[in-house]
Each structure stands twice: as structure tokens, then as C-alpha cells.
Amino acid sequence: MSEKTTMSASSAADVLAYVPHALGFAPRESFVFLTKQGKRLGATLRIDAPRQGDPAEFARVVLGYLSHDGLGDLFL
């Protein structure tokens, strides 16, 4: 079992600074979605920006992925 790491974030900028660390790189032409459950960060999802297609369908797909985390609150 791995040891859990605790990180404090007091602003949206703190959370945004965490994204490259969580993913292992700074995303480009991508969307990054984070879920939050209470004061805890949940899922981190990076998905390429669609080049074409229906934006509503893209949103449904993303929400489908994130819903598996139990979706407390969602940061977009």
C-alpha cells in the first residue's frame, strides 16, 4: 500500500499549479478536469480538446468519465 501525501491549497491558483505535478507534464490543447469530495481532491482527468464534433456529446463523455469518481464537486 502506498503512503498518502497531503497537500494544502488555499486558492484556485494552488490547484492549477498542482495539475502538471499530478499529470507528469503541462498539458496543451487539452482540458483538465478535477473532482473534489469535501476538502479532498478526487479524480484528475486530462482529455484532448476535440477538433470537431458536437460539444454537447463531448461534455456527456467527460461527465460519464468523471461520474465514476462519485462526483462531489467538479472544477472545470
PDB file of N, CA and C in Angstrom:
ATOM      1  N   MET A   1       0.839  -1.176   0.000  1.00  0.00           N
ATOM      2  CA  MET A   1       0.000   0.000   0.000  1.00  0.00           C
ATOM      3  C   MET A   1       0.884   1.238   0.000  1.00  0.00           C
ATOM      4  N   SER A   2       0.561   2.217  -0.814  1.00  0.00           N
ATOM      5  CA  SER A   2       1.377   3.427  -0.894  1.00  0.00           C
ATOM      6  C   SER A   2       0.992   4.422   0.195  1.00  0.00           C
ATOM      7  N   GLU A   3       1.955   5.249   0.539  1.00  0.00           N
ATOM      8  CA  GLU A   3       1.734   6.274   1.548  1.00  0.00           C
ATOM      9  C   GLU A   3       0.991   7.442   0.918  1.00  0.00           C
ATOM     10  N   LYS A   4       0.004   7.996   1.625  1.00  0.00           N
ATOM     11  CA  LYS A   4      -0.746   9.135   1.114  1.00  0.00           C
ATOM     12  C   LYS A   4       0.005  10.425   1.390  1.00  0.00           C
ATOM     13  N   THR A   5      -0.070  11.342   0.420  1.00  0.00           N
ATOM     14  CA  THR A   5       0.566  12.641   0.556  1.00  0.00           C
ATOM     15  C   THR A   5      -0.514  13.690   0.746  1.00  0.00           C
ATOM     16  N   THR A   6      -0.299  14.606   1.654  1.00  0.00           N
ATOM     17  CA  THR A   6      -1.257  15.681   1.903  1.00  0.00           C
ATOM     18  C   THR A   6      -0.717  16.973   1.322  1.00  0.00           C
ATOM     19  N   MET A   7      -1.593  17.704   0.645  1.00  0.00           N
ATOM     20  CA  MET A   7      -1.238  18.990   0.063  1.00  0.00           C
ATOM     21  C   MET A   7      -2.326  19.984   0.443  1.00  0.00           C
ATOM     22  N   SER A   8      -1.941  21.166   0.821  1.00  0.00           N
ATOM     23  CA  SER A   8      -2.913  22.209   1.145  1.00  0.00           C
ATOM     24  C   SER A   8      -3.016  23.179  -0.017  1.00  0.00           C
ATOM     25  N   ALA A   9      -4.246  23.548  -0.343  1.00  0.00           N
ATOM     26  CA  ALA A   9      -4.492  24.539  -1.393  1.00  0.00           C
ATOM     27  C   ALA A   9      -5.477  25.556  -0.838  1.00  0.00           C
ATOM     28  N   SER A  10      -5.106  26.809  -0.931  1.00  0.00           N
ATOM     29  CA  SER A  10      -5.987  27.851  -0.403  1.00  0.00           C
ATOM     30  C   SER A  10      -6.619  28.692  -1.512  1.00  0.00           C
ATOM     31  N   SER A  11      -6.258  28.400  -2.770  1.00  0.00           N
ATOM     32  CA  SER A  11      -6.831  29.173  -3.873  1.00  0.00           C
ATOM     33  C   SER A  11      -6.881  28.309  -5.128  1.00  0.00           C
ATOM     34  N   ALA A  12      -7.616  28.789  -6.119  1.00  0.00           N
ATOM     35  CA  ALA A  12      -7.681  28.094  -7.405  1.00  0.00           C
ATOM     36  C   ALA A  12      -6.290  28.023  -8.043  1.00  0.00           C
ATOM     37  N   ALA A  13      -5.474  29.046  -7.844  1.00  0.00           N
ATOM     38  CA  ALA A  13      -4.113  29.052  -8.399  1.00  0.00           C
ATOM     39  C   ALA A  13      -3.286  27.905  -7.823  1.00  0.00           C
ATOM     40  N   ASP A  14      -3.490  27.593  -6.548  1.00  0.00           N
ATOM     41  CA  ASP A  14      -2.787  26.467  -5.930  1.00  0.00           C
ATOM     42  C   ASP A  14      -3.184  25.151  -6.602  1.00  0.00           C
ATOM     43  N   VAL A  15      -4.463  24.997  -6.867  1.00  0.00           N
ATOM     44  CA  VAL A  15      -4.949  23.782  -7.524  1.00  0.00           C
ATOM     45  C   VAL A  15      -4.397  23.699  -8.941  1.00  0.00           C
ATOM     46  N   LEU A  16      -4.412  24.812  -9.665  1.00  0.00           N
ATOM     47  CA  LEU A  16      -3.883  24.814 -11.031  1.00  0.00           C
ATOM     48  C   LEU A  16      -2.391  24.496 -11.065  1.00  0.00           C
ATOM     49  N   ALA A  17      -1.654  24.935 -10.071  1.00  0.00           N
ATOM     50  CA  ALA A  17      -0.228  24.637 -10.012  1.00  0.00           C
ATOM     51  C   ALA A  17       0.020  23.146  -9.769  1.00  0.00           C
ATOM     52  N   TYR A  18      -0.953  22.468  -9.195  1.00  0.00           N
ATOM     53  CA  TYR A  18      -0.838  21.039  -8.918  1.00  0.00           C
ATOM     54  C   TYR A  18      -1.009  20.190 -10.178  1.00  0.00           C
ATOM     55  N   VAL A  19      -1.718  20.686 -11.168  1.00  0.00           N
ATOM     56  CA  VAL A  19      -2.068  19.895 -12.359  1.00  0.00           C
ATOM     57  C   VAL A  19      -0.844  19.287 -13.050  1.00  0.00           C
ATOM     58  N   PRO A  20       0.188  20.051 -13.404  1.00  0.00           N
ATOM     59  CA  PRO A  20       1.344  19.415 -14.053  1.00  0.00           C
ATOM     60  C   PRO A  20       1.998  18.332 -13.190  1.00  0.00           C
ATOM     61  N   HIS A  21       1.993  18.536 -11.890  1.00  0.00           N
ATOM     62  CA  HIS A  21       2.550  17.529 -10.979  1.00  0.00           C
ATOM     63  C   HIS A  21       1.711  16.247 -11.028  1.00  0.00           C
ATOM     64  N   ALA A  22       0.398  16.393 -10.989  1.00  0.00           N
ATOM     65  CA  ALA A  22      -0.490  15.223 -10.987  1.00  0.00           C
ATOM     66  C   ALA A  22      -0.406  14.448 -12.292  1.00  0.00           C
ATOM     67  N   LEU A  23      -0.267  15.161 -13.409  1.00  0.00           N
ATOM     68  CA  LEU A  23      -0.242  14.512 -14.717  1.00  0.00           C
ATOM     69  C   LEU A  23       1.156  14.094 -15.149  1.00  0.00           C
ATOM     70  N   GLY A  24       2.166  14.745 -14.617  1.00  0.00           N
ATOM     71  CA  GLY A  24       3.536  14.452 -15.017  1.00  0.00           C
ATOM     72  C   GLY A  24       4.015  15.311 -16.176  1.00  0.00           C
ATOM     73  N   PHE A  25       3.189  16.221 -16.638  1.00  0.00           N
ATOM     74  CA  PHE A  25       3.557  17.151 -17.710  1.00  0.00           C
ATOM     75  C   PHE A  25       2.550  18.287 -17.727  1.00  0.00           C
ATOM     76  N   ALA A  26       2.904  19.388 -18.402  1.00  0.00           N
ATOM     77  CA  ALA A  26       1.988  20.525 -18.551  1.00  0.00           C
ATOM     78  C   ALA A  26       1.149  20.303 -19.810  1.00  0.00           C
ATOM     79  N   PRO A  27      -0.156  20.112 -19.677  1.00  0.00           N
ATOM     80  CA  PRO A  27      -0.987  19.817 -20.839  1.00  0.00           C
ATOM     81  C   PRO A  27      -1.155  21.012 -21.773  1.00  0.00           C
ATOM     82  N   ARG A  28      -1.271  20.711 -23.059  1.00  0.00           N
ATOM     83  CA  ARG A  28      -1.521  21.723 -24.092  1.00  0.00           C
ATOM     84  C   ARG A  28      -2.628  21.194 -24.996  1.00  0.00           C
ATOM     85  N   GLU A  29      -3.479  22.060 -25.470  1.00  0.00           N
ATOM     86  CA  GLU A  29      -4.605  21.691 -26.325  1.00  0.00           C
ATOM     87  C   GLU A  29      -5.422  20.568 -25.691  1.00  0.00           C
ATOM     88  N   SER A  30      -5.610  20.689 -24.390  1.00  0.00           N
ATOM     89  CA  SER A  30      -6.324  19.688 -23.611  1.00  0.00           C
ATOM     90  C   SER A  30      -7.209  20.378 -22.599  1.00  0.00           C
ATOM     91  N   PHE A  31      -8.149  19.622 -22.102  1.00  0.00           N
ATOM     92  CA  PHE A  31      -8.944  20.047 -20.958  1.00  0.00           C
ATOM     93  C   PHE A  31      -8.503  19.201 -19.779  1.00  0.00           C
ATOM     94  N   VAL A  32      -8.438  19.823 -18.611  1.00  0.00           N
ATOM     95  CA  VAL A  32      -8.141  19.096 -17.385  1.00  0.00           C
ATOM     96  C   VAL A  32      -9.323  19.303 -16.453  1.00  0.00           C
ATOM     97  N   PHE A  33      -9.839  18.211 -15.940  1.00  0.00           N
ATOM     98  CA  PHE A  33     -10.980  18.243 -15.035  1.00  0.00           C
ATOM     99  C   PHE A  33     -10.546  17.620 -13.713  1.00  0.00           C
ATOM    100  N   LEU A  34     -10.968  18.233 -12.629  1.00  0.00           N
ATOM    101  CA  LEU A  34     -10.674  17.737 -11.288  1.00  0.00           C
ATOM    102  C   LEU A  34     -11.984  17.619 -10.534  1.00  0.00           C
ATOM    103  N   THR A  35     -12.121  16.572  -9.756  1.00  0.00           N
ATOM    104  CA  THR A  35     -13.271  16.486  -8.864  1.00  0.00           C
ATOM    105  C   THR A  35     -12.782  16.721  -7.446  1.00  0.00           C
ATOM    106  N   LYS A  36     -13.713  17.115  -6.607  1.00  0.00           N
ATOM    107  CA  LYS A  36     -13.414  17.398  -5.213  1.00  0.00           C
ATOM    108  C   LYS A  36     -14.496  16.744  -4.374  1.00  0.00           C
ATOM    109  N   GLN A  37     -14.101  16.073  -3.325  1.00  0.00           N
ATOM    110  CA  GLN A  37     -15.051  15.466  -2.407  1.00  0.00           C
ATOM    111  C   GLN A  37     -14.784  16.042  -1.032  1.00  0.00           C
ATOM    112  N   GLY A  38     -15.637  16.978  -0.634  1.00  0.00           N
ATOM    113  CA  GLY A  38     -15.385  17.706   0.608  1.00  0.00           C
ATOM    114  C   GLY A  38     -14.146  18.554   0.429  1.00  0.00           C
ATOM    115  N   LYS A  39     -13.150  18.334   1.268  1.00  0.00           N
ATOM    116  CA  LYS A  39     -11.889  19.064   1.157  1.00  0.00           C
ATOM    117  C   LYS A  39     -10.826  18.254   0.434  1.00  0.00           C
ATOM    118  N   ARG A  40     -11.201  17.104  -0.109  1.00  0.00           N
ATOM    119  CA  ARG A  40     -10.230  16.215  -0.749  1.00  0.00           C
ATOM    120  C   ARG A  40     -10.370  16.247  -2.263  1.00  0.00           C
ATOM    121  N   LEU A  41      -9.225  16.224  -2.928  1.00  0.00           N
ATOM    122  CA  LEU A  41      -9.194  16.154  -4.380  1.00  0.00           C
ATOM    123  C   LEU A  41      -9.509  14.723  -4.789  1.00  0.00           C
ATOM    124  N   GLY A  42     -10.376  14.587  -5.786  1.00  0.00           N
ATOM    125  CA  GLY A  42     -10.745  13.268  -6.272  1.00  0.00           C
ATOM    126  C   GLY A  42      -9.999  12.937  -7.549  1.00  0.00           C
ATOM    127  N   ALA A  43     -10.739  12.698  -8.612  1.00  0.00           N
ATOM    128  CA  ALA A  43     -10.150  12.295  -9.891  1.00  0.00           C
ATOM    129  C   ALA A  43      -9.509  13.482 -10.601  1.00  0.00           C
ATOM    130  N   THR A  44      -8.473  13.178 -11.384  1.00  0.00           N
ATOM    131  CA  THR A  44      -7.852  14.143 -12.285  1.00  0.00           C
ATOM    132  C   THR A  44      -7.930  13.540 -13.672  1.00  0.00           C
ATOM    133  N   LEU A  45      -8.579  14.238 -14.590  1.00  0.00           N
ATOM    134  CA  LEU A  45      -8.763  13.736 -15.952  1.00  0.00           C
ATOM    135  C   LEU A  45      -8.249  14.762 -16.939  1.00  0.00           C
ATOM    136  N   ARG A  46      -7.337  14.327 -17.838  1.00  0.00           N
ATOM    137  CA  ARG A  46      -6.894  15.169 -18.943  1.00  0.00           C
ATOM    138  C   ARG A  46      -7.390  14.518 -20.219  1.00  0.00           C
ATOM    139  N   ILE A  47      -8.017  15.324 -21.059  1.00  0.00           N
ATOM    140  CA  ILE A  47      -8.562  14.802 -22.310  1.00  0.00           C
ATOM    141  C   ILE A  47      -8.261  15.806 -23.423  1.00  0.00           C
ATOM    142  N   ASP A  48      -7.842  15.308 -24.569  1.00  0.00           N
ATOM    143  CA  ASP A  48      -7.532  16.181 -25.705  1.00  0.00           C
ATOM    144  C   ASP A  48      -8.755  16.994 -26.108  1.00  0.00           C
ATOM    145  N   ALA A  49      -8.519  18.244 -26.469  1.00  0.00           N
ATOM    146  CA  ALA A  49      -9.605  19.084 -26.974  1.00  0.00           C
ATOM    147  C   ALA A  49     -10.075  18.516 -28.309  1.00  0.00           C
ATOM    148  N   PRO A  50     -11.379  18.384 -28.484  1.00  0.00           N
ATOM    149  CA  PRO A  50     -11.863  17.831 -29.754  1.00  0.00           C
ATOM    150  C   PRO A  50     -11.620  18.806 -30.903  1.00  0.00           C
ATOM    151  N   ARG A  51     -11.239  18.286 -32.032  1.00  0.00           N
ATOM    152  CA  ARG A  51     -11.002  19.124 -33.212  1.00  0.00           C
ATOM    153  C   ARG A  51     -12.299  19.344 -33.989  1.00  0.00           C
ATOM    154  N   GLN A  52     -13.239  18.473 -33.800  1.00  0.00           N
ATOM    155  CA  GLN A  52     -14.553  18.612 -34.453  1.00  0.00           C
ATOM    156  C   GLN A  52     -15.556  17.807 -33.649  1.00  0.00           C
ATOM    157  N   GLY A  53     -16.797  17.886 -34.027  1.00  0.00           N
ATOM    158  CA  GLY A  53     -17.830  17.119 -33.342  1.00  0.00           C
ATOM    159  C   GLY A  53     -18.746  17.998 -32.515  1.00  0.00           C
ATOM    160  N   ASP A  54     -19.684  17.349 -31.872  1.00  0.00           N
ATOM    161  CA  ASP A  54     -20.722  18.011 -31.082  1.00  0.00           C
ATOM    162  C   ASP A  54     -20.207  18.310 -29.674  1.00  0.00           C
ATOM    163  N   PRO A  55     -20.144  19.586 -29.284  1.00  0.00           N
ATOM    164  CA  PRO A  55     -19.671  19.928 -27.938  1.00  0.00           C
ATOM    165  C   PRO A  55     -20.509  19.288 -26.831  1.00  0.00           C
ATOM    166  N   ALA A  56     -21.805  19.153 -27.061  1.00  0.00           N
ATOM    167  CA  ALA A  56     -22.663  18.533 -26.050  1.00  0.00           C
ATOM    168  C   ALA A  56     -22.296  17.061 -25.855  1.00  0.00           C
ATOM    169  N   GLU A  57     -21.964  16.368 -26.931  1.00  0.00           N
ATOM    170  CA  GLU A  57     -21.553  14.969 -26.822  1.00  0.00           C
ATOM    171  C   GLU A  57     -20.211  14.860 -26.088  1.00  0.00           C
ATOM    172  N   PHE A  58     -19.308  15.771 -26.370  1.00  0.00           N
ATOM    173  CA  PHE A  58     -18.026  15.806 -25.664  1.00  0.00           C
ATOM    174  C   PHE A  58     -18.271  15.974 -24.168  1.00  0.00           C
ATOM    175  N   ALA A  59     -19.148  16.897 -23.802  1.00  0.00           N
ATOM    176  CA  ALA A  59     -19.465  17.127 -22.389  1.00  0.00           C
ATOM    177  C   ALA A  59     -20.068  15.885 -21.753  1.00  0.00           C
ATOM    178  N   ARG A  60     -20.954  15.189 -22.449  1.00  0.00           N
ATOM    179  CA  ARG A  60     -21.556  13.959 -21.917  1.00  0.00           C
ATOM    180  C   ARG A  60     -20.488  12.888 -21.667  1.00  0.00           C
ATOM    181  N   VAL A  61     -19.556  12.756 -22.594  1.00  0.00           N
ATOM    182  CA  VAL A  61     -18.486  11.765 -22.439  1.00  0.00           C
ATOM    183  C   VAL A  61     -17.633  12.090 -21.213  1.00  0.00           C
ATOM    184  N   VAL A  62     -17.237  13.355 -21.083  1.00  0.00           N
ATOM    185  CA  VAL A  62     -16.411  13.774 -19.949  1.00  0.00           C
ATOM    186  C   VAL A  62     -17.152  13.532 -18.638  1.00  0.00           C
ATOM    187  N   LEU A  63     -18.406  13.929 -18.560  1.00  0.00           N
ATOM    188  CA  LEU A  63     -19.165  13.724 -17.328  1.00  0.00           C
ATOM    189  C   LEU A  63     -19.340  12.241 -17.023  1.00  0.00           C
ATOM    190  N   GLY A  64     -19.434  11.433 -18.067  1.00  0.00           N
ATOM    191  CA  GLY A  64     -19.503   9.988 -17.865  1.00  0.00           C
ATOM    192  C   GLY A  64     -18.244   9.461 -17.185  1.00  0.00           C
ATOM    193  N   TYR A  65     -17.079   9.913 -17.658  1.00  0.00           N
ATOM    194  CA  TYR A  65     -15.814   9.507 -17.034  1.00  0.00           C
ATOM    195  C   TYR A  65     -15.757   9.964 -15.580  1.00  0.00           C
ATOM    196  N   LEU A  66     -16.090  11.222 -15.358  1.00  0.00           N
ATOM    197  CA  LEU A  66     -15.966  11.796 -14.017  1.00  0.00           C
ATOM    198  C   LEU A  66     -16.988  11.229 -13.043  1.00  0.00           C
ATOM    199  N   SER A  67     -18.116  10.781 -13.536  1.00  0.00           N
ATOM    200  CA  SER A  67     -19.155  10.262 -12.648  1.00  0.00           C
ATOM    201  C   SER A  67     -18.704   9.000 -11.928  1.00  0.00           C
ATOM    202  N   HIS A  68     -17.698   8.321 -12.451  1.00  0.00           N
ATOM    203  CA  HIS A  68     -17.185   7.126 -11.786  1.00  0.00           C
ATOM    204  C   HIS A  68     -16.425   7.461 -10.516  1.00  0.00           C
ATOM    205  N   ASP A  69     -16.139   8.734 -10.298  1.00  0.00           N
ATOM    206  CA  ASP A  69     -15.444   9.172  -9.082  1.00  0.00           C
ATOM    207  C   ASP A  69     -16.436   9.516  -7.969  1.00  0.00           C
ATOM    208  N   GLY A  70     -17.709   9.427  -8.214  1.00  0.00           N
ATOM    209  CA  GLY A  70     -18.688   9.791  -7.226  1.00  0.00           C
ATOM    210  C   GLY A  70     -19.054  11.262  -7.251  1.00  0.00           C
ATOM    211  N   LEU A  71     -18.388  12.020  -8.092  1.00  0.00           N
ATOM    212  CA  LEU A  71     -18.665  13.439  -8.354  1.00  0.00           C
ATOM    213  C   LEU A  71     -19.209  14.199  -7.155  1.00  0.00           C
ATOM    214  N   GLY A  72     -18.328  14.570  -6.269  1.00  0.00           N
ATOM    215  CA  GLY A  72     -18.732  15.513  -5.235  1.00  0.00           C
ATOM    216  C   GLY A  72     -18.953  16.847  -5.913  1.00  0.00           C
ATOM    217  N   ASP A  73     -17.930  17.641  -5.970  1.00  0.00           N
ATOM    218  CA  ASP A  73     -17.948  18.912  -6.692  1.00  0.00           C
ATOM    219  C   ASP A  73     -17.020  18.771  -7.891  1.00  0.00           C
ATOM    220  N   LEU A  74     -17.250  19.546  -8.913  1.00  0.00           N
ATOM    221  CA  LEU A  74     -16.450  19.446 -10.115  1.00  0.00           C
ATOM    222  C   LEU A  74     -15.830  20.792 -10.434  1.00  0.00           C
ATOM    223  N   PHE A  75     -14.506  20.823 -10.619  1.00  0.00           N
ATOM    224  CA  PHE A  75     -13.810  22.014 -11.082  1.00  0.00           C
ATOM    225  C   PHE A  75     -13.649  21.896 -12.577  1.00  0.00           C
ATOM    226  N   LEU A  76     -14.026  22.894 -13.329  1.00  0.00           N
ATOM    227  CA  LEU A  76     -13.837  22.874 -14.790  1.00  0.00           C
ATOM    228  C   LEU A  76     -12.830  23.915 -15.173  1.00  0.00           C
TER     229      LEU A  76
END
